[in-house]
Amino acid sequence: MARKGKRRGGPRYKKVSLSLPKRLYLVLSGIAMGDDKKLNRLIKGILEDKLQESTVAELELYLKKAEEEEKEEEGTGAKP
């Protein structure tokens, strides 16, 4: 008789924290009518839709842009 493999325990999803500009947060919070669960569901839906439409090359481009902005900030001495 074949053995079943053990399932790993723990959460199914990885928890991620996002930093949003205050204006964007207020707009999304208004759409979700101030409910944190609705806000999280809205943000999750937006991210999933964007990721389904994006290619790997486009996502890599986002990373390159972020790295270039960080280098520019370090070069000019500007603080985020």
PDB file of N, CA and C in Angstrom:
ATOM      1  N   MET A   1       0.839  -1.176   0.000  1.00  0.00           N
ATOM      2  CA  MET A   1       0.000   0.000   0.000  1.00  0.00           C
ATOM      3  C   MET A   1       0.891   1.249   0.000  1.00  0.00           C
ATOM      4  N   ALA A   2       0.568   2.196  -0.832  1.00  0.00           N
ATOM      5  CA  ALA A   2       1.369   3.414  -0.953  1.00  0.00           C
ATOM      6  C   ALA A   2       1.131   4.343   0.243  1.00  0.00           C
ATOM      7  N   ARG A   3       2.199   4.996   0.635  1.00  0.00           N
ATOM      8  CA  ARG A   3       2.105   5.935   1.744  1.00  0.00           C
ATOM      9  C   ARG A   3       1.726   7.312   1.238  1.00  0.00           C
ATOM     10  N   LYS A   4       0.976   8.010   2.058  1.00  0.00           N
ATOM     11  CA  LYS A   4       0.668   9.406   1.729  1.00  0.00           C
ATOM     12  C   LYS A   4       1.749  10.294   2.328  1.00  0.00           C
ATOM     13  N   GLY A   5       2.154  11.290   1.577  1.00  0.00           N
ATOM     14  CA  GLY A   5       3.129  12.240   2.094  1.00  0.00           C
ATOM     15  C   GLY A   5       2.512  13.142   3.153  1.00  0.00           C
ATOM     16  N   LYS A   6       3.339  13.610   4.059  1.00  0.00           N
ATOM     17  CA  LYS A   6       2.838  14.499   5.105  1.00  0.00           C
ATOM     18  C   LYS A   6       2.656  15.905   4.541  1.00  0.00           C
ATOM     19  N   ARG A   7       1.560  16.530   4.928  1.00  0.00           N
ATOM     20  CA  ARG A   7       1.342  17.919   4.539  1.00  0.00           C
ATOM     21  C   ARG A   7       2.059  18.816   5.518  1.00  0.00           C
ATOM     22  N   ARG A   8       2.671  19.824   4.995  1.00  0.00           N
ATOM     23  CA  ARG A   8       3.326  20.796   5.862  1.00  0.00           C
ATOM     24  C   ARG A   8       2.283  21.650   6.547  1.00  0.00           C
ATOM     25  N   GLY A   9       2.546  21.985   7.777  1.00  0.00           N
ATOM     26  CA  GLY A   9       1.643  22.861   8.502  1.00  0.00           C
ATOM     27  C   GLY A   9       1.974  24.311   8.214  1.00  0.00           C
ATOM     28  N   GLY A  10       1.235  25.189   8.814  1.00  0.00           N
ATOM     29  CA  GLY A  10       1.508  26.612   8.656  1.00  0.00           C
ATOM     30  C   GLY A  10       0.539  27.288   7.725  1.00  0.00           C
ATOM     31  N   PRO A  11       0.654  28.598   7.653  1.00  0.00           N
ATOM     32  CA  PRO A  11      -0.281  29.355   6.816  1.00  0.00           C
ATOM     33  C   PRO A  11      -0.103  29.063   5.332  1.00  0.00           C
ATOM     34  N   ARG A  12      -1.204  29.157   4.622  1.00  0.00           N
ATOM     35  CA  ARG A  12      -1.193  28.872   3.189  1.00  0.00           C
ATOM     36  C   ARG A  12      -0.616  30.041   2.407  1.00  0.00           C
ATOM     37  N   TYR A  13      -0.826  31.245   2.913  1.00  0.00           N
ATOM     38  CA  TYR A  13      -0.373  32.442   2.228  1.00  0.00           C
ATOM     39  C   TYR A  13       0.717  33.133   3.022  1.00  0.00           C
ATOM     40  N   LYS A  14       1.561  33.855   2.334  1.00  0.00           N
ATOM     41  CA  LYS A  14       2.614  34.640   2.950  1.00  0.00           C
ATOM     42  C   LYS A  14       2.061  36.032   3.228  1.00  0.00           C
ATOM     43  N   LYS A  15       2.306  36.555   4.414  1.00  0.00           N
ATOM     44  CA  LYS A  15       1.804  37.877   4.774  1.00  0.00           C
ATOM     45  C   LYS A  15       2.768  38.932   4.245  1.00  0.00           C
ATOM     46  N   VAL A  16       2.215  39.968   3.606  1.00  0.00           N
ATOM     47  CA  VAL A  16       3.009  41.036   3.008  1.00  0.00           C
ATOM     48  C   VAL A  16       2.474  42.371   3.497  1.00  0.00           C
ATOM     49  N   SER A  17       3.382  43.285   3.796  1.00  0.00           N
ATOM     50  CA  SER A  17       2.980  44.636   4.192  1.00  0.00           C
ATOM     51  C   SER A  17       3.293  45.586   3.050  1.00  0.00           C
ATOM     52  N   LEU A  18       2.387  46.504   2.793  1.00  0.00           N
ATOM     53  CA  LEU A  18       2.575  47.480   1.723  1.00  0.00           C
ATOM     54  C   LEU A  18       2.613  48.881   2.300  1.00  0.00           C
ATOM     55  N   SER A  19       3.414  49.718   1.681  1.00  0.00           N
ATOM     56  CA  SER A  19       3.405  51.135   2.009  1.00  0.00           C
ATOM     57  C   SER A  19       2.731  51.860   0.855  1.00  0.00           C
ATOM     58  N   LEU A  20       1.666  52.572   1.167  1.00  0.00           N
ATOM     59  CA  LEU A  20       0.933  53.303   0.144  1.00  0.00           C
ATOM     60  C   LEU A  20       1.020  54.795   0.427  1.00  0.00           C
ATOM     61  N   PRO A  21       1.051  55.595  -0.621  1.00  0.00           N
ATOM     62  CA  PRO A  21       0.938  57.036  -0.391  1.00  0.00           C
ATOM     63  C   PRO A  21      -0.397  57.344   0.301  1.00  0.00           C
ATOM     64  N   LYS A  22      -0.384  58.336   1.166  1.00  0.00           N
ATOM     65  CA  LYS A  22      -1.561  58.644   1.972  1.00  0.00           C
ATOM     66  C   LYS A  22      -2.794  58.911   1.106  1.00  0.00           C
ATOM     67  N   ARG A  23      -2.617  59.644   0.028  1.00  0.00           N
ATOM     68  CA  ARG A  23      -3.742  59.983  -0.849  1.00  0.00           C
ATOM     69  C   ARG A  23      -4.369  58.722  -1.451  1.00  0.00           C
ATOM     70  N   LEU A  24      -3.516  57.802  -1.917  1.00  0.00           N
ATOM     71  CA  LEU A  24      -4.016  56.552  -2.500  1.00  0.00           C
ATOM     72  C   LEU A  24      -4.730  55.718  -1.442  1.00  0.00           C
ATOM     73  N   TYR A  25      -4.154  55.671  -0.238  1.00  0.00           N
ATOM     74  CA  TYR A  25      -4.784  54.922   0.848  1.00  0.00           C
ATOM     75  C   TYR A  25      -6.166  55.486   1.162  1.00  0.00           C
ATOM     76  N   LEU A  26      -6.276  56.792   1.210  1.00  0.00           N
ATOM     77  CA  LEU A  26      -7.562  57.415   1.527  1.00  0.00           C
ATOM     78  C   LEU A  26      -8.607  57.125   0.451  1.00  0.00           C
ATOM     79  N   VAL A  27      -8.189  57.130  -0.808  1.00  0.00           N
ATOM     80  CA  VAL A  27      -9.112  56.831  -1.904  1.00  0.00           C
ATOM     81  C   VAL A  27      -9.593  55.384  -1.805  1.00  0.00           C
ATOM     82  N   LEU A  28      -8.648  54.455  -1.625  1.00  0.00           N
ATOM     83  CA  LEU A  28      -9.026  53.039  -1.532  1.00  0.00           C
ATOM     84  C   LEU A  28      -9.869  52.768  -0.287  1.00  0.00           C
ATOM     85  N   SER A  29      -9.537  53.419   0.812  1.00  0.00           N
ATOM     86  CA  SER A  29     -10.307  53.256   2.042  1.00  0.00           C
ATOM     87  C   SER A  29     -11.722  53.795   1.868  1.00  0.00           C
ATOM     88  N   GLY A  30     -11.873  54.885   1.121  1.00  0.00           N
ATOM     89  CA  GLY A  30     -13.192  55.436   0.835  1.00  0.00           C
ATOM     90  C   GLY A  30     -14.027  54.484   0.002  1.00  0.00           C
ATOM     91  N   ILE A  31     -13.388  53.853  -0.980  1.00  0.00           N
ATOM     92  CA  ILE A  31     -14.093  52.880  -1.823  1.00  0.00           C
ATOM     93  C   ILE A  31     -14.552  51.694  -0.967  1.00  0.00           C
ATOM     94  N   ALA A  32     -13.700  51.275  -0.019  1.00  0.00           N
ATOM     95  CA  ALA A  32     -14.024  50.142   0.854  1.00  0.00           C
ATOM     96  C   ALA A  32     -14.893  50.568   2.034  1.00  0.00           C
ATOM     97  N   MET A  33     -15.298  51.817   2.071  1.00  0.00           N
ATOM     98  CA  MET A  33     -16.161  52.368   3.116  1.00  0.00           C
ATOM     99  C   MET A  33     -15.567  52.189   4.515  1.00  0.00           C
ATOM    100  N   GLY A  34     -14.236  52.291   4.615  1.00  0.00           N
ATOM    101  CA  GLY A  34     -13.564  52.250   5.908  1.00  0.00           C
ATOM    102  C   GLY A  34     -13.429  50.874   6.522  1.00  0.00           C
ATOM    103  N   ASP A  35     -13.880  49.839   5.849  1.00  0.00           N
ATOM    104  CA  ASP A  35     -13.804  48.476   6.366  1.00  0.00           C
ATOM    105  C   ASP A  35     -12.458  47.861   5.974  1.00  0.00           C
ATOM    106  N   ASP A  36     -11.653  47.446   6.970  1.00  0.00           N
ATOM    107  CA  ASP A  36     -10.325  46.908   6.699  1.00  0.00           C
ATOM    108  C   ASP A  36     -10.362  45.625   5.868  1.00  0.00           C
ATOM    109  N   LYS A  37     -11.331  44.759   6.120  1.00  0.00           N
ATOM    110  CA  LYS A  37     -11.419  43.518   5.341  1.00  0.00           C
ATOM    111  C   LYS A  37     -11.702  43.807   3.878  1.00  0.00           C
ATOM    112  N   LYS A  38     -12.618  44.756   3.635  1.00  0.00           N
ATOM    113  CA  LYS A  38     -12.940  45.126   2.250  1.00  0.00           C
ATOM    114  C   LYS A  38     -11.730  45.789   1.590  1.00  0.00           C
ATOM    115  N   LEU A  39     -11.013  46.609   2.359  1.00  0.00           N
ATOM    116  CA  LEU A  39      -9.829  47.281   1.824  1.00  0.00           C
ATOM    117  C   LEU A  39      -8.774  46.253   1.421  1.00  0.00           C
ATOM    118  N   ASN A  40      -8.514  45.277   2.284  1.00  0.00           N
ATOM    119  CA  ASN A  40      -7.541  44.235   1.962  1.00  0.00           C
ATOM    120  C   ASN A  40      -7.971  43.431   0.743  1.00  0.00           C
ATOM    121  N   ARG A  41      -9.255  43.108   0.646  1.00  0.00           N
ATOM    122  CA  ARG A  41      -9.772  42.368  -0.498  1.00  0.00           C
ATOM    123  C   ARG A  41      -9.628  43.194  -1.784  1.00  0.00           C
ATOM    124  N   LEU A  42      -9.869  44.498  -1.687  1.00  0.00           N
ATOM    125  CA  LEU A  42      -9.748  45.387  -2.845  1.00  0.00           C
ATOM    126  C   LEU A  42      -8.296  45.447  -3.326  1.00  0.00           C
ATOM    127  N   ILE A  43      -7.373  45.638  -2.400  1.00  0.00           N
ATOM    128  CA  ILE A  43      -5.955  45.715  -2.768  1.00  0.00           C
ATOM    129  C   ILE A  43      -5.486  44.391  -3.354  1.00  0.00           C
ATOM    130  N   LYS A  44      -5.906  43.275  -2.749  1.00  0.00           N
ATOM    131  CA  LYS A  44      -5.545  41.948  -3.256  1.00  0.00           C
ATOM    132  C   LYS A  44      -6.071  41.754  -4.679  1.00  0.00           C
ATOM    133  N   GLY A  45      -7.307  42.161  -4.920  1.00  0.00           N
ATOM    134  CA  GLY A  45      -7.891  42.035  -6.256  1.00  0.00           C
ATOM    135  C   GLY A  45      -7.156  42.860  -7.292  1.00  0.00           C
ATOM    136  N   ILE A  46      -6.799  44.090  -6.917  1.00  0.00           N
ATOM    137  CA  ILE A  46      -6.061  44.961  -7.842  1.00  0.00           C
ATOM    138  C   ILE A  46      -4.717  44.331  -8.190  1.00  0.00           C
ATOM    139  N   LEU A  47      -4.005  43.835  -7.187  1.00  0.00           N
ATOM    140  CA  LEU A  47      -2.696  43.228  -7.429  1.00  0.00           C
ATOM    141  C   LEU A  47      -2.813  41.971  -8.289  1.00  0.00           C
ATOM    142  N   GLU A  48      -3.799  41.129  -7.995  1.00  0.00           N
ATOM    143  CA  GLU A  48      -3.971  39.908  -8.791  1.00  0.00           C
ATOM    144  C   GLU A  48      -4.287  40.225 -10.246  1.00  0.00           C
ATOM    145  N   ASP A  49      -5.154  41.203 -10.473  1.00  0.00           N
ATOM    146  CA  ASP A  49      -5.490  41.584 -11.850  1.00  0.00           C
ATOM    147  C   ASP A  49      -4.260  42.102 -12.583  1.00  0.00           C
ATOM    148  N   LYS A  50      -3.488  42.942 -11.921  1.00  0.00           N
ATOM    149  CA  LYS A  50      -2.303  43.522 -12.546  1.00  0.00           C
ATOM    150  C   LYS A  50      -1.266  42.437 -12.848  1.00  0.00           C
ATOM    151  N   LEU A  51      -1.099  41.502 -11.920  1.00  0.00           N
ATOM    152  CA  LEU A  51      -0.114  40.439 -12.127  1.00  0.00           C
ATOM    153  C   LEU A  51      -0.532  39.496 -13.243  1.00  0.00           C
ATOM    154  N   GLN A  52      -1.828  39.248 -13.399  1.00  0.00           N
ATOM    155  CA  GLN A  52      -2.290  38.372 -14.473  1.00  0.00           C
ATOM    156  C   GLN A  52      -2.066  39.003 -15.843  1.00  0.00           C
ATOM    157  N   GLU A  53      -2.124  40.324 -15.908  1.00  0.00           N
ATOM    158  CA  GLU A  53      -1.951  41.019 -17.182  1.00  0.00           C
ATOM    159  C   GLU A  53      -0.484  41.281 -17.518  1.00  0.00           C
ATOM    160  N   SER A  54       0.405  41.201 -16.532  1.00  0.00           N
ATOM    161  CA  SER A  54       1.808  41.550 -16.727  1.00  0.00           C
ATOM    162  C   SER A  54       2.632  40.347 -17.154  1.00  0.00           C
ATOM    163  N   THR A  55       3.680  40.635 -17.899  1.00  0.00           N
ATOM    164  CA  THR A  55       4.645  39.598 -18.260  1.00  0.00           C
ATOM    165  C   THR A  55       5.817  39.681 -17.281  1.00  0.00           C
ATOM    166  N   VAL A  56       6.652  38.667 -17.293  1.00  0.00           N
ATOM    167  CA  VAL A  56       7.818  38.650 -16.420  1.00  0.00           C
ATOM    168  C   VAL A  56       8.744  39.820 -16.768  1.00  0.00           C
ATOM    169  N   ALA A  57       8.878  40.116 -18.048  1.00  0.00           N
ATOM    170  CA  ALA A  57       9.744  41.206 -18.482  1.00  0.00           C
ATOM    171  C   ALA A  57       9.254  42.550 -17.918  1.00  0.00           C
ATOM    172  N   GLU A  58       7.941  42.756 -17.912  1.00  0.00           N
ATOM    173  CA  GLU A  58       7.392  43.998 -17.361  1.00  0.00           C
ATOM    174  C   GLU A  58       7.652  44.093 -15.859  1.00  0.00           C
ATOM    175  N   LEU A  59       7.526  42.983 -15.167  1.00  0.00           N
ATOM    176  CA  LEU A  59       7.769  42.985 -13.726  1.00  0.00           C
ATOM    177  C   LEU A  59       9.246  43.238 -13.418  1.00  0.00           C
ATOM    178  N   GLU A  60      10.130  42.674 -14.236  1.00  0.00           N
ATOM    179  CA  GLU A  60      11.556  42.929 -14.052  1.00  0.00           C
ATOM    180  C   GLU A  60      11.874  44.401 -14.298  1.00  0.00           C
ATOM    181  N   LEU A  61      11.152  45.019 -15.218  1.00  0.00           N
ATOM    182  CA  LEU A  61      11.339  46.437 -15.504  1.00  0.00           C
ATOM    183  C   LEU A  61      10.990  47.288 -14.287  1.00  0.00           C
ATOM    184  N   TYR A  62       9.940  46.887 -13.553  1.00  0.00           N
ATOM    185  CA  TYR A  62       9.593  47.593 -12.315  1.00  0.00           C
ATOM    186  C   TYR A  62      10.754  47.558 -11.329  1.00  0.00           C
ATOM    187  N   LEU A  63      11.400  46.389 -11.215  1.00  0.00           N
ATOM    188  CA  LEU A  63      12.524  46.255 -10.288  1.00  0.00           C
ATOM    189  C   LEU A  63      13.684  47.146 -10.701  1.00  0.00           C
ATOM    190  N   LYS A  64      13.965  47.181 -11.994  1.00  0.00           N
ATOM    191  CA  LYS A  64      15.060  48.020 -12.477  1.00  0.00           C
ATOM    192  C   LYS A  64      14.785  49.494 -12.204  1.00  0.00           C
ATOM    193  N   LYS A  65      13.539  49.922 -12.424  1.00  0.00           N
ATOM    194  CA  LYS A  65      13.176  51.318 -12.161  1.00  0.00           C
ATOM    195  C   LYS A  65      13.363  51.658 -10.686  1.00  0.00           C
ATOM    196  N   ALA A  66      12.958  50.745  -9.804  1.00  0.00           N
ATOM    197  CA  ALA A  66      13.085  50.975  -8.367  1.00  0.00           C
ATOM    198  C   ALA A  66      14.562  51.066  -7.964  1.00  0.00           C
ATOM    199  N   GLU A  67      15.404  50.204  -8.530  1.00  0.00           N
ATOM    200  CA  GLU A  67      16.830  50.239  -8.221  1.00  0.00           C
ATOM    201  C   GLU A  67      17.461  51.537  -8.708  1.00  0.00           C
ATOM    202  N   GLU A  68      17.069  51.996  -9.908  1.00  0.00           N
ATOM    203  CA  GLU A  68      17.604  53.243 -10.437  1.00  0.00           C
ATOM    204  C   GLU A  68      17.191  54.429  -9.576  1.00  0.00           C
ATOM    205  N   GLU A  69      15.938  54.433  -9.105  1.00  0.00           N
ATOM    206  CA  GLU A  69      15.473  55.522  -8.246  1.00  0.00           C
ATOM    207  C   GLU A  69      16.237  55.537  -6.930  1.00  0.00           C
ATOM    208  N   GLU A  70      16.527  54.361  -6.369  1.00  0.00           N
ATOM    209  CA  GLU A  70      17.280  54.282  -5.121  1.00  0.00           C
ATOM    210  C   GLU A  70      18.689  54.822  -5.316  1.00  0.00           C
ATOM    211  N   LYS A  71      19.306  54.478  -6.451  1.00  0.00           N
ATOM    212  CA  LYS A  71      20.657  54.971  -6.729  1.00  0.00           C
ATOM    213  C   LYS A  71      20.664  56.489  -6.882  1.00  0.00           C
ATOM    214  N   GLU A  72      19.635  57.032  -7.555  1.00  0.00           N
ATOM    215  CA  GLU A  72      19.538  58.478  -7.732  1.00  0.00           C
ATOM    216  C   GLU A  72      19.376  59.177  -6.388  1.00  0.00           C
ATOM    217  N   GLU A  73      18.553  58.605  -5.510  1.00  0.00           N
ATOM    218  CA  GLU A  73      18.351  59.190  -4.196  1.00  0.00           C
ATOM    219  C   GLU A  73      19.619  59.170  -3.373  1.00  0.00           C
ATOM    220  N   GLU A  74      20.393  58.088  -3.469  1.00  0.00           N
ATOM    221  CA  GLU A  74      21.655  58.001  -2.745  1.00  0.00           C
ATOM    222  C   GLU A  74      22.658  59.008  -3.306  1.00  0.00           C
ATOM    223  N   GLY A  75      22.659  59.190  -4.600  1.00  0.00           N
ATOM    224  CA  GLY A  75      23.592  60.110  -5.245  1.00  0.00           C
ATOM    225  C   GLY A  75      23.297  61.572  -4.912  1.00  0.00           C
ATOM    226  N   THR A  76      22.006  61.920  -4.800  1.00  0.00           N
ATOM    227  CA  THR A  76      21.638  63.297  -4.521  1.00  0.00           C
ATOM    228  C   THR A  76      21.551  63.574  -3.033  1.00  0.00           C
ATOM    229  N   GLY A  77      21.552  62.519  -2.235  1.00  0.00           N
ATOM    230  CA  GLY A  77      21.448  62.695  -0.795  1.00  0.00           C
ATOM    231  C   GLY A  77      20.038  62.944  -0.311  1.00  0.00           C
ATOM    232  N   ALA A  78      19.062  62.743  -1.155  1.00  0.00           N
ATOM    233  CA  ALA A  78      17.657  62.943  -0.772  1.00  0.00           C
ATOM    234  C   ALA A  78      17.210  61.785   0.101  1.00  0.00           C
ATOM    235  N   LYS A  79      16.361  62.086   1.062  1.00  0.00           N
ATOM    236  CA  LYS A  79      15.825  61.054   1.943  1.00  0.00           C
ATOM    237  C   LYS A  79      14.381  60.799   1.587  1.00  0.00           C
ATOM    238  N   PRO A  80      13.969  59.518   1.572  1.00  0.00           N
ATOM    239  CA  PRO A  80      12.577  59.193   1.235  1.00  0.00           C
ATOM    240  C   PRO A  80      11.606  59.656   2.277  1.00  0.00           C
TER     241      PRO A  80
END
